[in-house]
Each structure stands twice: as C-alpha cells, then as structure tokens.
Amino acid sequence: MSGVAQIEIRETAAELKTLLRQEKDVLRHEKLQVLYWLKTQTVDSVLSAAVRRTVNIVPQYKDGCLVIGRGE
C-alpha cells in the first residue's frame, strides 16, 4: 500500500512506560506516548493515535459551559 510506513518499536512496553514517567519535555512525552500506545496496541496506527490525542484535548461543553478535564 502506498504511503504506509512500517515501524519496529524495539523498546518493551515496560521500558516505554518508565521513559514516560521520567520525561519532562512535553513534545518528547507525546512522542513516547504514541509509541507506548502502538506497542500496547491501544491504537492500531499513528493516525488513530493522532485522533485519540486530539479528542483528549478538545474542549468539552455541557449545557453551554466548559467542562474541565480530559475526555477519554
């Protein structure tokens, strides 16, 4: 299939989780989060991870008021 990238994640899920806990830089943390999601099969593609991340940061409204908290 054209445009489909295959990646191999060498780190174990446990190693990625440890790195996630230690990482202080936001951008690096987000990259590690996507790798962790892919490794644990929480998402099946980078696109799915992007959508999941976007859903988590989109403001949520209820009865016209902003709801504080992350969507899951």
PDB file of N, CA and C in Angstrom:
ATOM      1  N   MET A   1       0.847  -1.170   0.000  1.00  0.00           N
ATOM      2  CA  MET A   1       0.000   0.000   0.000  1.00  0.00           C
ATOM      3  C   MET A   1       0.897   1.239   0.000  1.00  0.00           C
ATOM      4  N   SER A   2       0.637   2.156  -0.864  1.00  0.00           N
ATOM      5  CA  SER A   2       1.448   3.361  -0.988  1.00  0.00           C
ATOM      6  C   SER A   2       1.247   4.285   0.212  1.00  0.00           C
ATOM      7  N   GLY A   3       2.351   4.805   0.726  1.00  0.00           N
ATOM      8  CA  GLY A   3       2.270   5.772   1.816  1.00  0.00           C
ATOM      9  C   GLY A   3       2.137   5.165   3.199  1.00  0.00           C
ATOM     10  N   VAL A   4       2.186   3.841   3.318  1.00  0.00           N
ATOM     11  CA  VAL A   4       2.071   3.194   4.621  1.00  0.00           C
ATOM     12  C   VAL A   4       3.468   2.889   5.131  1.00  0.00           C
ATOM     13  N   ALA A   5       3.776   3.378   6.303  1.00  0.00           N
ATOM     14  CA  ALA A   5       5.094   3.163   6.895  1.00  0.00           C
ATOM     15  C   ALA A   5       5.035   2.011   7.890  1.00  0.00           C
ATOM     16  N   GLN A   6       6.048   1.202   7.871  1.00  0.00           N
ATOM     17  CA  GLN A   6       6.186   0.133   8.853  1.00  0.00           C
ATOM     18  C   GLN A   6       7.271   0.559   9.836  1.00  0.00           C
ATOM     19  N   ILE A   7       6.977   0.493  11.127  1.00  0.00           N
ATOM     20  CA  ILE A   7       7.993   0.822  12.119  1.00  0.00           C
ATOM     21  C   ILE A   7       8.134  -0.335  13.086  1.00  0.00           C
ATOM     22  N   GLU A   8       9.338  -0.484  13.598  1.00  0.00           N
ATOM     23  CA  GLU A   8       9.613  -1.504  14.607  1.00  0.00           C
ATOM     24  C   GLU A   8       9.952  -0.766  15.891  1.00  0.00           C
ATOM     25  N   ILE A   9       9.213  -1.030  16.931  1.00  0.00           N
ATOM     26  CA  ILE A   9       9.474  -0.404  18.229  1.00  0.00           C
ATOM     27  C   ILE A   9      10.280  -1.406  19.038  1.00  0.00           C
ATOM     28  N   ARG A  10      11.542  -1.107  19.252  1.00  0.00           N
ATOM     29  CA  ARG A  10      12.457  -2.047  19.908  1.00  0.00           C
ATOM     30  C   ARG A  10      12.267  -2.088  21.420  1.00  0.00           C
ATOM     31  N   GLU A  11      11.843  -0.985  22.009  1.00  0.00           N
ATOM     32  CA  GLU A  11      11.658  -0.933  23.451  1.00  0.00           C
ATOM     33  C   GLU A  11      10.438  -1.758  23.847  1.00  0.00           C
ATOM     34  N   THR A  12      10.497  -2.333  25.039  1.00  0.00           N
ATOM     35  CA  THR A  12       9.342  -3.056  25.557  1.00  0.00           C
ATOM     36  C   THR A  12       8.331  -2.036  26.087  1.00  0.00           C
ATOM     37  N   ALA A  13       7.118  -2.497  26.304  1.00  0.00           N
ATOM     38  CA  ALA A  13       6.080  -1.620  26.858  1.00  0.00           C
ATOM     39  C   ALA A  13       6.510  -1.107  28.237  1.00  0.00           C
ATOM     40  N   ALA A  14       7.133  -1.957  29.024  1.00  0.00           N
ATOM     41  CA  ALA A  14       7.593  -1.552  30.358  1.00  0.00           C
ATOM     42  C   ALA A  14       8.666  -0.468  30.264  1.00  0.00           C
ATOM     43  N   GLU A  15       9.594  -0.613  29.310  1.00  0.00           N
ATOM     44  CA  GLU A  15      10.632   0.405  29.127  1.00  0.00           C
ATOM     45  C   GLU A  15      10.018   1.732  28.701  1.00  0.00           C
ATOM     46  N   LEU A  16       9.056   1.681  27.789  1.00  0.00           N
ATOM     47  CA  LEU A  16       8.397   2.913  27.338  1.00  0.00           C
ATOM     48  C   LEU A  16       7.645   3.572  28.486  1.00  0.00           C
ATOM     49  N   LYS A  17       6.999   2.765  29.315  1.00  0.00           N
ATOM     50  CA  LYS A  17       6.255   3.314  30.458  1.00  0.00           C
ATOM     51  C   LYS A  17       7.208   4.014  31.433  1.00  0.00           C
ATOM     52  N   THR A  18       8.366   3.416  31.657  1.00  0.00           N
ATOM     53  CA  THR A  18       9.373   4.020  32.535  1.00  0.00           C
ATOM     54  C   THR A  18       9.868   5.336  31.947  1.00  0.00           C
ATOM     55  N   LEU A  19      10.150   5.328  30.643  1.00  0.00           N
ATOM     56  CA  LEU A  19      10.595   6.558  29.988  1.00  0.00           C
ATOM     57  C   LEU A  19       9.525   7.644  30.054  1.00  0.00           C
ATOM     58  N   LEU A  20       8.255   7.247  29.915  1.00  0.00           N
ATOM     59  CA  LEU A  20       7.148   8.206  30.008  1.00  0.00           C
ATOM     60  C   LEU A  20       7.130   8.888  31.372  1.00  0.00           C
ATOM     61  N   ARG A  21       7.325   8.101  32.423  1.00  0.00           N
ATOM     62  CA  ARG A  21       7.302   8.662  33.781  1.00  0.00           C
ATOM     63  C   ARG A  21       8.443   9.641  34.017  1.00  0.00           C
ATOM     64  N   GLN A  22       9.591   9.381  33.362  1.00  0.00           N
ATOM     65  CA  GLN A  22      10.783  10.200  33.588  1.00  0.00           C
ATOM     66  C   GLN A  22      10.837  11.449  32.715  1.00  0.00           C
ATOM     67  N   GLU A  23      10.170  11.430  31.567  1.00  0.00           N
ATOM     68  CA  GLU A  23      10.295  12.520  30.591  1.00  0.00           C
ATOM     69  C   GLU A  23       9.612  13.790  31.076  1.00  0.00           C
ATOM     70  N   LYS A  24      10.335  14.890  31.015  1.00  0.00           N
ATOM     71  CA  LYS A  24       9.806  16.197  31.437  1.00  0.00           C
ATOM     72  C   LYS A  24       9.420  17.069  30.254  1.00  0.00           C
ATOM     73  N   ASP A  25      10.046  16.859  29.093  1.00  0.00           N
ATOM     74  CA  ASP A  25       9.757  17.647  27.896  1.00  0.00           C
ATOM     75  C   ASP A  25       8.420  17.198  27.286  1.00  0.00           C
ATOM     76  N   VAL A  26       7.516  18.132  27.065  1.00  0.00           N
ATOM     77  CA  VAL A  26       6.164  17.808  26.604  1.00  0.00           C
ATOM     78  C   VAL A  26       6.173  17.123  25.244  1.00  0.00           C
ATOM     79  N   LEU A  27       6.940  17.644  24.307  1.00  0.00           N
ATOM     80  CA  LEU A  27       6.969  17.069  22.964  1.00  0.00           C
ATOM     81  C   LEU A  27       7.509  15.642  22.978  1.00  0.00           C
ATOM     82  N   ARG A  28       8.578  15.422  23.702  1.00  0.00           N
ATOM     83  CA  ARG A  28       9.131  14.065  23.806  1.00  0.00           C
ATOM     84  C   ARG A  28       8.158  13.126  24.509  1.00  0.00           C
ATOM     85  N   HIS A  29       7.463  13.642  25.522  1.00  0.00           N
ATOM     86  CA  HIS A  29       6.480  12.832  26.243  1.00  0.00           C
ATOM     87  C   HIS A  29       5.367  12.382  25.294  1.00  0.00           C
ATOM     88  N   GLU A  30       4.885  13.295  24.449  1.00  0.00           N
ATOM     89  CA  GLU A  30       3.829  12.946  23.499  1.00  0.00           C
ATOM     90  C   GLU A  30       4.298  11.893  22.506  1.00  0.00           C
ATOM     91  N   LYS A  31       5.543  12.002  22.052  1.00  0.00           N
ATOM     92  CA  LYS A  31       6.089  11.005  21.125  1.00  0.00           C
ATOM     93  C   LYS A  31       6.193   9.639  21.800  1.00  0.00           C
ATOM     94  N   LEU A  32       6.675   9.634  23.039  1.00  0.00           N
ATOM     95  CA  LEU A  32       6.745   8.383  23.787  1.00  0.00           C
ATOM     96  C   LEU A  32       5.360   7.800  24.018  1.00  0.00           C
ATOM     97  N   GLN A  33       4.371   8.667  24.268  1.00  0.00           N
ATOM     98  CA  GLN A  33       3.002   8.209  24.495  1.00  0.00           C
ATOM     99  C   GLN A  33       2.467   7.471  23.268  1.00  0.00           C
ATOM    100  N   VAL A  34       2.716   8.016  22.085  1.00  0.00           N
ATOM    101  CA  VAL A  34       2.268   7.372  20.846  1.00  0.00           C
ATOM    102  C   VAL A  34       2.968   6.029  20.676  1.00  0.00           C
ATOM    103  N   LEU A  35       4.278   5.983  20.928  1.00  0.00           N
ATOM    104  CA  LEU A  35       4.995   4.718  20.834  1.00  0.00           C
ATOM    105  C   LEU A  35       4.435   3.688  21.808  1.00  0.00           C
ATOM    106  N   TYR A  36       4.118   4.143  23.021  1.00  0.00           N
ATOM    107  CA  TYR A  36       3.537   3.239  24.032  1.00  0.00           C
ATOM    108  C   TYR A  36       2.174   2.726  23.575  1.00  0.00           C
ATOM    109  N   TRP A  37       1.330   3.624  23.055  1.00  0.00           N
ATOM    110  CA  TRP A  37       0.019   3.200  22.560  1.00  0.00           C
ATOM    111  C   TRP A  37       0.154   2.185  21.441  1.00  0.00           C
ATOM    112  N   LEU A  38       1.105   2.409  20.519  1.00  0.00           N
ATOM    113  CA  LEU A  38       1.313   1.470  19.420  1.00  0.00           C
ATOM    114  C   LEU A  38       1.835   0.131  19.939  1.00  0.00           C
ATOM    115  N   LYS A  39       2.766   0.184  20.858  1.00  0.00           N
ATOM    116  CA  LYS A  39       3.362  -1.048  21.396  1.00  0.00           C
ATOM    117  C   LYS A  39       2.328  -1.876  22.147  1.00  0.00           C
ATOM    118  N   THR A  40       1.462  -1.226  22.911  1.00  0.00           N
ATOM    119  CA  THR A  40       0.458  -1.945  23.706  1.00  0.00           C
ATOM    120  C   THR A  40      -0.828  -2.186  22.916  1.00  0.00           C
ATOM    121  N   GLN A  41      -0.827  -1.805  21.656  1.00  0.00           N
ATOM    122  CA  GLN A  41      -1.963  -1.970  20.751  1.00  0.00           C
ATOM    123  C   GLN A  41      -3.225  -1.270  21.260  1.00  0.00           C
ATOM    124  N   THR A  42      -3.021  -0.166  21.984  1.00  0.00           N
ATOM    125  CA  THR A  42      -4.135   0.688  22.393  1.00  0.00           C
ATOM    126  C   THR A  42      -4.713   1.374  21.159  1.00  0.00           C
ATOM    127  N   VAL A  43      -3.834   1.687  20.210  1.00  0.00           N
ATOM    128  CA  VAL A  43      -4.229   2.213  18.904  1.00  0.00           C
ATOM    129  C   VAL A  43      -3.587   1.325  17.852  1.00  0.00           C
ATOM    130  N   ASP A  44      -4.159   1.321  16.650  1.00  0.00           N
ATOM    131  CA  ASP A  44      -3.611   0.451  15.609  1.00  0.00           C
ATOM    132  C   ASP A  44      -2.818   1.203  14.548  1.00  0.00           C
ATOM    133  N   SER A  45      -2.747   2.524  14.654  1.00  0.00           N
ATOM    134  CA  SER A  45      -1.983   3.297  13.681  1.00  0.00           C
ATOM    135  C   SER A  45      -1.621   4.654  14.281  1.00  0.00           C
ATOM    136  N   VAL A  46      -0.657   5.305  13.650  1.00  0.00           N
ATOM    137  CA  VAL A  46      -0.262   6.643  14.090  1.00  0.00           C
ATOM    138  C   VAL A  46      -1.437   7.599  13.913  1.00  0.00           C
ATOM    139  N   LEU A  47      -2.223   7.413  12.855  1.00  0.00           N
ATOM    140  CA  LEU A  47      -3.396   8.253  12.637  1.00  0.00           C
ATOM    141  C   LEU A  47      -4.397   8.088  13.779  1.00  0.00           C
ATOM    142  N   SER A  48      -4.623   6.860  14.202  1.00  0.00           N
ATOM    143  CA  SER A  48      -5.523   6.623  15.335  1.00  0.00           C
ATOM    144  C   SER A  48      -5.005   7.314  16.594  1.00  0.00           C
ATOM    145  N   ALA A  49      -3.691   7.290  16.779  1.00  0.00           N
ATOM    146  CA  ALA A  49      -3.096   7.956  17.943  1.00  0.00           C
ATOM    147  C   ALA A  49      -3.309   9.456  17.864  1.00  0.00           C
ATOM    148  N   ALA A  50      -3.168  10.018  16.666  1.00  0.00           N
ATOM    149  CA  ALA A  50      -3.378  11.460  16.484  1.00  0.00           C
ATOM    150  C   ALA A  50      -4.819  11.833  16.798  1.00  0.00           C
ATOM    151  N   VAL A  51      -5.746  11.009  16.344  1.00  0.00           N
ATOM    152  CA  VAL A  51      -7.162  11.275  16.617  1.00  0.00           C
ATOM    153  C   VAL A  51      -7.437  11.148  18.105  1.00  0.00           C
ATOM    154  N   ARG A  52      -6.887  10.120  18.733  1.00  0.00           N
ATOM    155  CA  ARG A  52      -7.096   9.928  20.167  1.00  0.00           C
ATOM    156  C   ARG A  52      -6.557  11.126  20.948  1.00  0.00           C
ATOM    157  N   ARG A  53      -5.377  11.602  20.570  1.00  0.00           N
ATOM    158  CA  ARG A  53      -4.785  12.750  21.252  1.00  0.00           C
ATOM    159  C   ARG A  53      -5.649  13.987  21.065  1.00  0.00           C
ATOM    160  N   THR A  54      -6.144  14.204  19.856  1.00  0.00           N
ATOM    161  CA  THR A  54      -6.978  15.370  19.565  1.00  0.00           C
ATOM    162  C   THR A  54      -8.269  15.322  20.367  1.00  0.00           C
ATOM    163  N   VAL A  55      -8.872  14.154  20.451  1.00  0.00           N
ATOM    164  CA  VAL A  55     -10.112  14.007  21.222  1.00  0.00           C
ATOM    165  C   VAL A  55      -9.861  14.335  22.682  1.00  0.00           C
ATOM    166  N   ASN A  56      -8.676  13.974  23.175  1.00  0.00           N
ATOM    167  CA  ASN A  56      -8.351  14.227  24.578  1.00  0.00           C
ATOM    168  C   ASN A  56      -8.143  15.702  24.891  1.00  0.00           C
ATOM    169  N   ILE A  57      -7.837  16.531  23.885  1.00  0.00           N
ATOM    170  CA  ILE A  57      -7.555  17.935  24.179  1.00  0.00           C
ATOM    171  C   ILE A  57      -8.634  18.886  23.682  1.00  0.00           C
ATOM    172  N   VAL A  58      -9.654  18.361  23.008  1.00  0.00           N
ATOM    173  CA  VAL A  58     -10.738  19.209  22.532  1.00  0.00           C
ATOM    174  C   VAL A  58     -11.586  19.628  23.727  1.00  0.00           C
ATOM    175  N   PRO A  59     -11.853  20.924  23.871  1.00  0.00           N
ATOM    176  CA  PRO A  59     -12.683  21.368  24.999  1.00  0.00           C
ATOM    177  C   PRO A  59     -14.067  20.712  24.953  1.00  0.00           C
ATOM    178  N   GLN A  60     -14.541  20.319  26.091  1.00  0.00           N
ATOM    179  CA  GLN A  60     -15.856  19.694  26.194  1.00  0.00           C
ATOM    180  C   GLN A  60     -16.828  20.699  26.834  1.00  0.00           C
ATOM    181  N   TYR A  61     -18.020  20.746  26.284  1.00  0.00           N
ATOM    182  CA  TYR A  61     -19.041  21.652  26.793  1.00  0.00           C
ATOM    183  C   TYR A  61     -20.269  20.867  27.206  1.00  0.00           C
ATOM    184  N   LYS A  62     -20.894  21.296  28.286  1.00  0.00           N
ATOM    185  CA  LYS A  62     -22.144  20.699  28.745  1.00  0.00           C
ATOM    186  C   LYS A  62     -23.059  21.839  29.159  1.00  0.00           C
ATOM    187  N   ASP A  63     -24.194  21.895  28.547  1.00  0.00           N
ATOM    188  CA  ASP A  63     -25.163  22.971  28.816  1.00  0.00           C
ATOM    189  C   ASP A  63     -24.538  24.347  28.620  1.00  0.00           C
ATOM    190  N   GLY A  64     -23.670  24.466  27.611  1.00  0.00           N
ATOM    191  CA  GLY A  64     -23.066  25.750  27.288  1.00  0.00           C
ATOM    192  C   GLY A  64     -21.889  26.143  28.156  1.00  0.00           C
ATOM    193  N   CYS A  65     -21.497  25.265  29.084  1.00  0.00           N
ATOM    194  CA  CYS A  65     -20.381  25.584  29.982  1.00  0.00           C
ATOM    195  C   CYS A  65     -19.201  24.656  29.698  1.00  0.00           C
ATOM    196  N   LEU A  66     -18.013  25.202  29.809  1.00  0.00           N
ATOM    197  CA  LEU A  66     -16.795  24.418  29.605  1.00  0.00           C
ATOM    198  C   LEU A  66     -16.649  23.427  30.748  1.00  0.00           C
ATOM    199  N   VAL A  67     -16.427  22.150  30.380  1.00  0.00           N
ATOM    200  CA  VAL A  67     -16.208  21.109  31.386  1.00  0.00           C
ATOM    201  C   VAL A  67     -14.711  20.924  31.510  1.00  0.00           C
ATOM    202  N   ILE A  68     -14.196  21.083  32.706  1.00  0.00           N
ATOM    203  CA  ILE A  68     -12.761  20.942  32.957  1.00  0.00           C
ATOM    204  C   ILE A  68     -12.435  19.460  33.118  1.00  0.00           C
ATOM    205  N   GLY A  69     -11.391  19.039  32.426  1.00  0.00           N
ATOM    206  CA  GLY A  69     -10.959  17.627  32.496  1.00  0.00           C
ATOM    207  C   GLY A  69     -10.706  17.110  31.109  1.00  0.00           C
ATOM    208  N   ARG A  70     -10.033  15.985  31.041  1.00  0.00           N
ATOM    209  CA  ARG A  70      -9.677  15.388  29.758  1.00  0.00           C
ATOM    210  C   ARG A  70     -10.727  14.362  29.367  1.00  0.00           C
ATOM    211  N   GLY A  71     -11.086  14.361  28.068  1.00  0.00           N
ATOM    212  CA  GLY A  71     -12.004  13.342  27.549  1.00  0.00           C
ATOM    213  C   GLY A  71     -11.276  12.040  27.342  1.00  0.00           C
ATOM    214  N   GLU A  72     -11.891  10.951  27.646  1.00  0.00           N
ATOM    215  CA  GLU A  72     -11.273   9.631  27.453  1.00  0.00           C
ATOM    216  C   GLU A  72     -12.220   8.781  26.656  1.00  0.00           C
TER     217      GLU A  72
END
